[in-house]
Protein backbone atom coordinates (compact mmCIF):
# COMPACT_ATOMS: atom_id res chain seq x y z
CA MET A 1 -37.87 -16.04 19.42
CA ALA A 2 -38.80 -13.88 16.44
CA ILE A 3 -36.41 -12.76 14.02
CA LYS A 4 -35.42 -9.51 13.19
CA ALA A 5 -37.36 -9.04 10.36
CA GLN A 6 -40.68 -9.96 12.12
CA ARG A 7 -39.75 -7.37 14.72
CA ASN A 8 -39.37 -4.71 12.36
CA ARG A 9 -42.88 -5.91 10.65
CA ALA A 10 -44.56 -5.37 13.67
CA ARG A 11 -42.61 -2.02 14.61
CA LEU A 12 -44.09 -1.13 11.31
CA HIS A 13 -47.45 -1.85 12.01
CA ILE A 14 -47.75 -0.77 15.58
CA LEU A 15 -46.53 2.83 14.16
CA ARG A 16 -49.35 3.07 11.09
CA ASP A 17 -51.49 1.67 13.98
CA ASN A 18 -51.02 4.64 16.31
CA VAL A 19 -51.37 7.22 13.62
CA HIS A 20 -54.57 5.60 12.27
CA ARG A 21 -55.78 5.71 15.76
CA ALA A 22 -54.54 9.25 16.57
CA ARG A 23 -56.66 9.78 13.22
CA ARG A 24 -59.58 8.68 13.73
CA ASP A 25 -59.81 10.65 17.15
CA VAL A 26 -59.08 14.00 15.94
CA LYS A 27 -62.20 13.36 13.52
CA LEU A 28 -64.22 12.15 16.90
CA ARG A 29 -62.88 15.22 18.77
CA HIS A 30 -61.08 13.54 21.86
CA PRO A 31 -59.23 16.13 23.88
CA GLY A 32 -55.37 15.46 23.18
CA ALA A 33 -55.79 13.84 20.29
CA ALA A 34 -54.42 16.52 17.64
CA GLU A 35 -51.00 16.52 20.01
CA ARG A 36 -51.08 12.44 19.95
CA LEU A 37 -51.32 12.84 15.98
CA LYS A 38 -48.24 14.98 15.73
CA ALA A 39 -45.85 12.74 18.31
CA HIS A 40 -46.95 9.30 16.32
CA LEU A 41 -46.31 11.28 12.93
CA ALA A 42 -42.98 12.26 13.72
CA ALA A 43 -42.13 8.73 15.06
CA ARG A 44 -43.34 7.06 11.71
CA LEU A 45 -41.28 9.23 9.73
CA ALA A 46 -38.28 9.11 12.34
CA TYR A 47 -38.53 5.18 12.19
CA ALA A 48 -38.33 5.72 7.83
CA GLU A 49 -35.82 7.71 8.16
CA THR A 50 -33.10 5.72 10.19
CA GLY A 51 -34.99 2.54 10.26
CA LYS A 52 -34.71 2.83 14.27
């Protein structure tokens, strides 16, 4: 069972990776990538502000 710090760290990496993949898809002109990038950036900023 993961301790709280491990769960938080995993969440940060997931949020970071989602943004990274979305940026790559925008560069490769995949359909819907710009909207996904906005959503993932918003989720990452919300997590940074609230920690949830």
